[in-house]
Every structure is written in C-alpha cells, then in structure tokens.
C-alpha cells in the first residue's frame, strides 16, 4: 500500500463532456478556477486541456493554453501543472471502400504540433500517450518514431513525461524508450483503465499493468465513470497514486453531477480512511524532482 499518495485532477479533458454537465469548465478562466479549487481540495497536480469557448470542444489553440497557464501561475505558485500532449492524434476514416481522405472531425498532426504549447509554456509535466487506441469510428494514432521525437522535445524543455498507457503493449513501447535513454529516471506512468478496447477497469488489469512497469516506476491509475473512485482505492492498495476529475467521470454518485473539487475531496477521504496521508504539491514536487515554473 502507498501510504503517501498524491492526487492528480484531470480537470476538463478534450471530449464532448461540457454538453453533459454544467460543471465541466470551458474557458481558460473557468478551467483555471476549477483547477485551483481542486488544488485546495487536495490535488497536487492538475492535468489540463483547453476548450474552444465557442464550440465548447477540445482545442489545440496555443493562445488558450497560454492564457490558462498564465492565470494559474499568477494565482498559485505551488500547484504542479501537467499539460496534455495527446491532442492532434484523432483520425475519423471515410467509408470502408474509401477510408482516405480522412473524414470530418479528424484532428491529426505530427509531433511538433502536438507539443508546441508544451515547448513554449514549459509545464512541470506533460502527458505522453505511448501507443495507438481503437474507438468505434475513429483511431487515436501515434508511432514509436513520433514518440521518440516528443520525448526528445520534453527532455530539452526539462518537462517530465507522464507516460499514459492504455494496455500492456504501450508499457512495452515505453520501456523501449526508457532503454534508449529517451525518458528520464525514475519514469512516471499513468495507468488508464476502462477506455473502450483498452485495458478494463478491474483489479486484475491494474495488477497486470503494475507488474509490467519498470521496478523503479512512480505510477498512478484511474478508471472511467463509476469505477473512478474504486480504482483510486485500488491504486493506493497496489502502491500507486490517484487520478480523478471530470475528464474521466462526471458523477459524484449515481445521479449527482460532480465538480472537480468534490471528486478530489471524496478521493482524499477514501485514502485517509484507508490510513493514507495525501502528499502536498511541495511533497509531490520533491518526489518527482520537479522545479517550480512560476
């Protein structure tokens, strides 16, 4: 059991969640407010996407990222910022007889564009999705060569990669990058469970993925939807850390829409009831060997 876990709050995500809950923040000001409320509730790290204020959908607009990060850094010098590096990988194909050119809604760019905001704004952490994932009508796609390029960019900007893995093969690819010296030690992993056609949100799946990690890895894990909080408890029991937030789950309990702060507070309560003490941002920063970017 990890008796001193840290909490990451995934604040807004890039999916079409804002149409499903009024608590999903959209504008940079709203996202910053929600992130800092989560920090006050106990989150050491805030994992951030931005949204187009007009469409309310996920965006790669570097101006929105710039505004968001500026607001947070001006208001709080302690919270650890984790920017997504996962946008720009979605392909929606045409018909089965003519799959290319890609269909409407595709947002697919190379590694330089995927990490442009990261290299400029230099958050302490940025996510690195080490593998492709199938969805019903689309594909999230990346390649080992592109991941090497992104890892090099993160390292040159002194940004810690949070290695997001959705199944066991992604861990094997990440270990290859580590072997090649592309990722600093000890590595930070995020076990993403419950994504359709990825690893299920079960204790067995979490254990299998944990057992496949490098022995010195620092890791956290989460489950989607109603399994978010059970998987938070499971992660602590298996020696990991916690991720909660509206990117992965909109509900505090059945029929009750949550805020980010409420999800963090509930996860903290579960952890403390299990005998754990939640790490502060400064304690988490020391654990991960991070320097403040304020």
Protein backbone atom coordinates (compact mmCIF):
# COMPACT_ATOMS: atom_id res chain seq x y z
CA UNK A 1 0.00 0.00 0.00
CA UNK A 2 1.13 3.51 -0.77
CA UNK A 3 0.63 5.41 2.48
CA UNK A 4 1.62 8.76 0.97
CA UNK A 5 -0.09 9.04 -2.42
CA UNK A 6 -0.51 12.20 -4.44
CA UNK A 7 -3.66 13.18 -6.31
CA UNK A 8 -3.83 14.35 -9.91
CA UNK A 9 -7.01 16.09 -11.05
CA UNK A 10 -7.83 15.77 -14.76
CA UNK A 11 -9.82 18.97 -14.97
CA UNK A 12 -11.70 19.10 -18.29
CA UNK A 13 -10.40 16.71 -20.98
CA UNK A 14 -10.91 17.06 -24.69
CA UNK A 15 -14.11 15.07 -25.24
CA UNK A 16 -17.68 16.31 -25.60
CA UNK A 17 -18.27 16.49 -21.85
CA UNK A 18 -19.35 20.12 -21.49
CA UNK A 19 -22.68 19.29 -23.12
CA UNK A 20 -23.32 16.69 -20.40
CA UNK A 21 -22.54 18.65 -17.25
CA UNK A 22 -22.61 22.36 -16.33
CA UNK A 23 -19.61 21.76 -14.05
CA UNK A 24 -17.19 20.97 -16.90
CA UNK A 25 -15.10 24.16 -17.30
CA UNK A 26 -14.74 25.62 -20.80
CA UNK A 27 -12.98 29.00 -20.89
CA UNK A 28 -9.41 29.45 -19.64
CA UNK A 29 -10.72 31.36 -16.61
CA UNK A 30 -13.22 28.60 -15.78
CA UNK A 31 -10.59 25.87 -16.21
CA UNK A 32 -8.14 27.77 -14.00
CA UNK A 33 -10.80 28.33 -11.34
CA UNK A 34 -11.75 24.65 -11.33
CA UNK A 35 -8.10 23.54 -11.26
CA UNK A 36 -7.30 25.74 -8.28
CA UNK A 37 -10.43 24.59 -6.45
CA UNK A 38 -9.19 21.02 -6.98
CA UNK A 39 -5.80 22.06 -5.60
CA UNK A 40 -7.45 23.49 -2.49
CA UNK A 41 -9.29 20.18 -2.06
CA UNK A 42 -6.02 18.22 -2.12
CA UNK A 43 -4.81 17.77 -5.70
CA UNK A 44 -1.06 18.23 -6.05
CA UNK A 45 -1.15 18.06 -9.86
CA UNK A 46 -3.70 19.45 -12.32
CA UNK A 47 -3.84 17.80 -15.75
CA UNK A 48 -5.07 20.35 -18.27
CA UNK A 49 -6.63 20.55 -21.72
CA UNK A 50 -8.23 23.65 -23.21
CA UNK A 51 -11.59 24.06 -24.95
CA UNK A 52 -12.81 26.32 -27.73
CA UNK A 53 -15.15 28.75 -25.91
CA UNK A 54 -17.48 28.82 -28.94
CA UNK A 55 -17.83 25.11 -29.71
CA UNK A 56 -17.03 24.01 -26.11
CA UNK A 57 -14.98 21.14 -27.60
CA UNK A 58 -11.32 20.29 -27.04
CA UNK A 59 -8.81 22.54 -28.78
CA UNK A 60 -5.09 22.81 -29.58
CA UNK A 61 -5.15 26.62 -29.66
CA UNK A 62 -1.85 27.70 -28.15
CA UNK A 63 -3.33 31.08 -27.22
CA UNK A 64 -5.86 29.37 -24.96
CA UNK A 65 -3.11 27.33 -23.32
CA UNK A 66 -1.03 30.47 -22.84
CA UNK A 67 -3.94 32.27 -21.16
CA UNK A 68 -4.75 29.29 -18.93
CA UNK A 69 -1.20 28.70 -17.73
CA UNK A 70 -0.64 32.42 -17.14
CA UNK A 71 -3.74 32.68 -14.95
CA UNK A 72 -2.77 29.66 -12.84
CA UNK A 73 0.84 30.72 -12.39
CA UNK A 74 -0.15 34.25 -11.43
CA UNK A 75 -2.59 32.98 -8.81
CA UNK A 76 -0.75 29.94 -7.44
CA UNK A 77 2.98 29.19 -7.35
CA UNK A 78 2.59 25.79 -5.70
CA UNK A 79 0.30 23.63 -7.84
CA UNK A 80 2.03 21.36 -10.38
CA UNK A 81 0.86 21.90 -13.98
CA UNK A 82 0.53 18.88 -16.28
CA UNK A 83 -0.43 19.80 -19.86
CA UNK A 84 -1.81 17.25 -22.27
CA UNK A 85 0.38 16.15 -25.14
CA UNK A 86 -2.34 13.93 -26.54
CA UNK A 87 -4.37 16.24 -28.74
CA UNK A 88 -3.95 16.03 -32.51
CA UNK A 89 -3.98 12.25 -32.82
CA UNK A 90 -7.59 11.52 -33.80
CA UNK A 91 -8.42 10.06 -37.21
CA UNK A 92 -12.01 9.57 -38.39
CA UNK A 93 -11.94 7.49 -41.54
CA UNK A 94 -14.19 7.76 -44.59
CA UNK A 95 -16.27 4.84 -45.83
CA UNK A 96 -14.93 1.30 -45.72
CA UNK A 97 -14.50 1.46 -49.52
CA UNK A 98 -12.77 4.84 -49.44
CA UNK A 99 -11.28 5.33 -45.97
CA UNK A 100 -8.99 8.12 -47.14
CA UNK A 101 -9.00 11.07 -47.22
CA UNK A 102 -9.90 11.17 -43.54
CA UNK A 103 -13.43 12.09 -42.56
CA UNK A 104 -14.88 15.22 -40.99
CA UNK A 105 -13.81 15.72 -37.39
CA UNK A 106 -10.28 14.39 -37.90
CA UNK A 107 -7.63 16.27 -35.93
CA UNK A 108 -4.36 14.63 -36.87
CA UNK A 109 -0.99 16.39 -36.77
CA UNK A 110 2.64 15.44 -36.28
CA UNK A 111 4.69 15.51 -33.08
CA UNK A 112 5.89 19.10 -33.43
CA UNK A 113 2.35 20.48 -33.45
CA UNK A 114 1.22 18.12 -30.68
CA UNK A 115 3.79 19.56 -28.28
CA UNK A 116 4.04 23.16 -29.49
CA UNK A 117 2.28 24.53 -26.40
CA UNK A 118 4.42 22.34 -24.12
CA UNK A 119 7.72 23.56 -25.53
CA UNK A 120 6.62 27.20 -25.24
CA UNK A 121 4.97 27.11 -21.81
CA UNK A 122 7.21 24.50 -20.17
CA UNK A 123 4.88 22.92 -17.62
CA UNK A 124 6.45 20.73 -14.98
CA UNK A 125 4.76 17.65 -16.52
CA UNK A 126 3.17 16.80 -19.87
CA UNK A 127 1.37 13.62 -20.87
CA UNK A 128 2.86 11.25 -23.44
CA UNK A 129 0.46 8.64 -24.87
CA UNK A 130 2.70 5.71 -25.76
CA UNK A 131 0.53 3.90 -28.25
CA UNK A 132 -2.47 3.94 -30.55
CA UNK A 133 -6.00 3.18 -29.38
CA UNK A 134 -9.09 2.00 -31.28
CA UNK A 135 -12.50 3.60 -30.84
CA UNK A 136 -15.73 2.64 -32.60
CA UNK A 137 -15.45 5.06 -35.50
CA UNK A 138 -12.03 6.59 -35.01
CA UNK A 139 -8.45 5.89 -34.09
CA UNK A 140 -6.07 7.68 -31.77
CA UNK A 141 -2.76 7.21 -33.57
CA UNK A 142 0.91 7.76 -32.89
CA UNK A 143 4.13 5.97 -33.83
CA UNK A 144 7.30 4.98 -31.98
CA UNK A 145 9.29 7.41 -34.13
CA UNK A 146 6.97 10.27 -33.23
CA UNK A 147 7.15 9.34 -29.55
CA UNK A 148 10.93 9.47 -29.71
CA UNK A 149 10.66 12.97 -31.17
CA UNK A 150 8.25 14.09 -28.47
CA UNK A 151 10.38 12.55 -25.71
CA UNK A 152 13.39 14.46 -27.03
CA UNK A 153 11.38 17.68 -27.04
CA UNK A 154 10.18 17.16 -23.48
CA UNK A 155 13.69 16.43 -22.26
CA UNK A 156 15.15 19.52 -23.93
CA UNK A 157 12.43 21.65 -22.31
CA UNK A 158 13.00 19.98 -18.90
CA UNK A 159 9.40 18.70 -18.88
CA UNK A 160 8.70 15.38 -17.14
CA UNK A 161 6.71 12.98 -19.34
CA UNK A 162 3.68 11.40 -17.72
CA UNK A 163 3.60 8.16 -19.70
CA UNK A 164 -0.06 7.35 -20.34
CA UNK A 165 -0.64 3.68 -21.11
CA UNK A 166 -3.93 2.08 -22.14
CA UNK A 167 -2.79 -1.54 -22.45
CA UNK A 168 0.24 -3.74 -21.87
CA UNK A 169 1.78 -3.13 -25.30
CA UNK A 170 2.03 0.58 -24.51
CA UNK A 171 4.14 -0.25 -21.46
CA UNK A 172 6.49 -2.32 -23.61
CA UNK A 173 6.93 0.60 -26.00
CA UNK A 174 7.56 2.95 -23.08
CA UNK A 175 10.21 0.59 -21.70
CA UNK A 176 11.94 0.64 -25.09
CA UNK A 177 12.03 4.46 -24.96
CA UNK A 178 13.45 4.27 -21.45
CA UNK A 179 16.08 1.76 -22.61
CA UNK A 180 17.10 4.19 -25.36
CA UNK A 181 17.54 6.99 -22.81
CA UNK A 182 14.60 9.00 -24.16
CA UNK A 183 12.84 9.23 -20.78
CA UNK A 184 14.40 10.36 -17.52
CA UNK A 185 14.56 8.18 -14.42
CA UNK A 186 12.55 7.26 -12.47
CA UNK A 187 9.72 7.21 -15.04
CA UNK A 188 6.22 8.46 -14.23
CA UNK A 189 3.35 6.30 -15.54
CA UNK A 190 -0.42 6.80 -15.65
CA UNK A 191 -2.44 3.56 -15.98
CA UNK A 192 -5.58 4.42 -17.95
CA UNK A 193 -8.29 1.82 -17.33
CA UNK A 194 -11.79 1.41 -18.68
CA UNK A 195 -11.24 3.05 -22.07
CA UNK A 196 -13.19 1.06 -24.65
CA UNK A 197 -10.95 -1.53 -26.34
CA UNK A 198 -8.16 -0.79 -23.89
CA UNK A 199 -7.42 -2.38 -20.53
CA UNK A 200 -10.59 -2.83 -18.45
CA UNK A 201 -11.03 -1.10 -15.11
CA UNK A 202 -10.55 -4.21 -12.98
CA UNK A 203 -8.16 -5.14 -10.16
CA UNK A 204 -6.65 -7.88 -12.34
CA UNK A 205 -5.93 -5.48 -15.20
CA UNK A 206 -4.42 -2.88 -12.88
CA UNK A 207 -2.24 -5.52 -11.24
CA UNK A 208 -1.05 -6.87 -14.59
CA UNK A 209 -0.11 -3.40 -15.78
CA UNK A 210 1.56 -2.51 -12.49
CA UNK A 211 3.58 -5.71 -12.62
CA UNK A 212 4.76 -4.87 -16.14
CA UNK A 213 6.16 -1.46 -15.14
CA UNK A 214 9.87 -0.85 -14.59
CA UNK A 215 10.76 -1.64 -10.99
CA UNK A 216 11.60 2.00 -10.21
CA UNK A 217 8.46 3.50 -11.78
CA UNK A 218 6.27 6.00 -9.97
CA UNK A 219 2.71 5.46 -11.12
CA UNK A 220 -0.91 6.44 -10.74
CA UNK A 221 -4.05 4.82 -12.08
CA UNK A 222 -7.64 5.67 -12.84
CA UNK A 223 -10.88 4.13 -14.06
CA UNK A 224 -13.58 5.74 -16.15
CA UNK A 225 -17.05 6.66 -14.96
CA UNK A 226 -18.45 4.91 -11.92
CA UNK A 227 -15.19 2.98 -11.50
CA UNK A 228 -13.11 6.12 -10.94
CA UNK A 229 -13.19 6.05 -7.14
CA UNK A 230 -12.96 2.24 -6.77
CA UNK A 231 -9.87 2.28 -8.99
CA UNK A 232 -8.44 5.14 -6.91
CA UNK A 233 -8.68 2.93 -3.83
CA UNK A 234 -7.24 0.01 -5.77
CA UNK A 235 -4.28 2.08 -6.94
CA UNK A 236 -3.38 3.01 -3.36
CA UNK A 237 -3.56 -0.63 -2.27
CA UNK A 238 -1.21 -1.61 -5.10
CA UNK A 239 1.36 1.07 -4.29
CA UNK A 240 0.23 3.72 -6.75
CA UNK A 241 -1.19 7.22 -6.74
CA UNK A 242 -4.59 8.67 -7.62
CA UNK A 243 -6.15 10.43 -10.59
CA UNK A 244 -9.71 11.74 -10.51
CA UNK A 245 -11.52 14.53 -12.32
CA UNK A 246 -14.19 15.45 -14.83
CA UNK A 247 -12.13 14.31 -17.80
CA UNK A 248 -12.81 10.73 -16.69
CA UNK A 249 -16.04 10.86 -14.69
CA UNK A 250 -18.87 13.37 -14.36
CA UNK A 251 -20.62 11.98 -11.28
CA UNK A 252 -20.02 12.11 -7.55
CA UNK A 253 -22.55 9.33 -7.06
CA UNK A 254 -25.44 7.93 -9.06
CA UNK A 255 -27.47 10.84 -10.45
CA UNK A 256 -25.35 13.55 -8.77
CA UNK A 257 -23.11 15.58 -11.06
CA UNK A 258 -19.73 16.38 -9.53
CA UNK A 259 -17.27 19.23 -9.54
CA UNK A 260 -13.55 18.58 -9.73
CA UNK A 261 -13.08 19.73 -6.15
CA UNK A 262 -15.78 17.31 -4.94
CA UNK A 263 -14.12 14.38 -6.71
CA UNK A 264 -10.73 15.25 -5.24
CA UNK A 265 -12.22 15.66 -1.77
CA UNK A 266 -14.00 12.31 -1.99
CA UNK A 267 -10.86 10.54 -3.21
CA UNK A 268 -8.89 12.17 -0.40
CA UNK A 269 -11.47 11.00 2.13
CA UNK A 270 -11.25 7.43 0.83
CA UNK A 271 -7.46 7.48 1.01
CA UNK A 272 -7.41 8.92 4.52
CA UNK A 273 -9.99 6.39 5.68
CA UNK A 274 -7.56 3.71 4.46
CA UNK A 275 -4.82 5.20 6.61
CA UNK A 276 -3.01 7.15 3.89
CA UNK A 277 -1.74 10.72 4.06
CA UNK A 278 -2.13 12.72 0.84
CA UNK A 279 1.05 14.38 -0.40
CA UNK A 280 1.03 18.13 -0.83
CA UNK A 281 2.22 19.78 -4.03
CA UNK A 282 5.59 20.57 -2.47
CA UNK A 283 5.98 16.98 -1.27
CA UNK A 284 4.97 15.68 -4.70
CA UNK A 285 7.37 18.09 -6.38
CA UNK A 286 10.19 16.69 -4.24
CA UNK A 287 9.18 13.09 -5.00
CA UNK A 288 9.22 13.76 -8.76
CA UNK A 289 12.29 16.02 -8.62
CA UNK A 290 10.44 18.95 -10.18
CA UNK A 291 11.35 22.61 -10.09
CA UNK A 292 8.65 25.28 -9.88
CA UNK A 293 7.88 27.05 -13.17
CA UNK A 294 6.19 30.05 -11.56
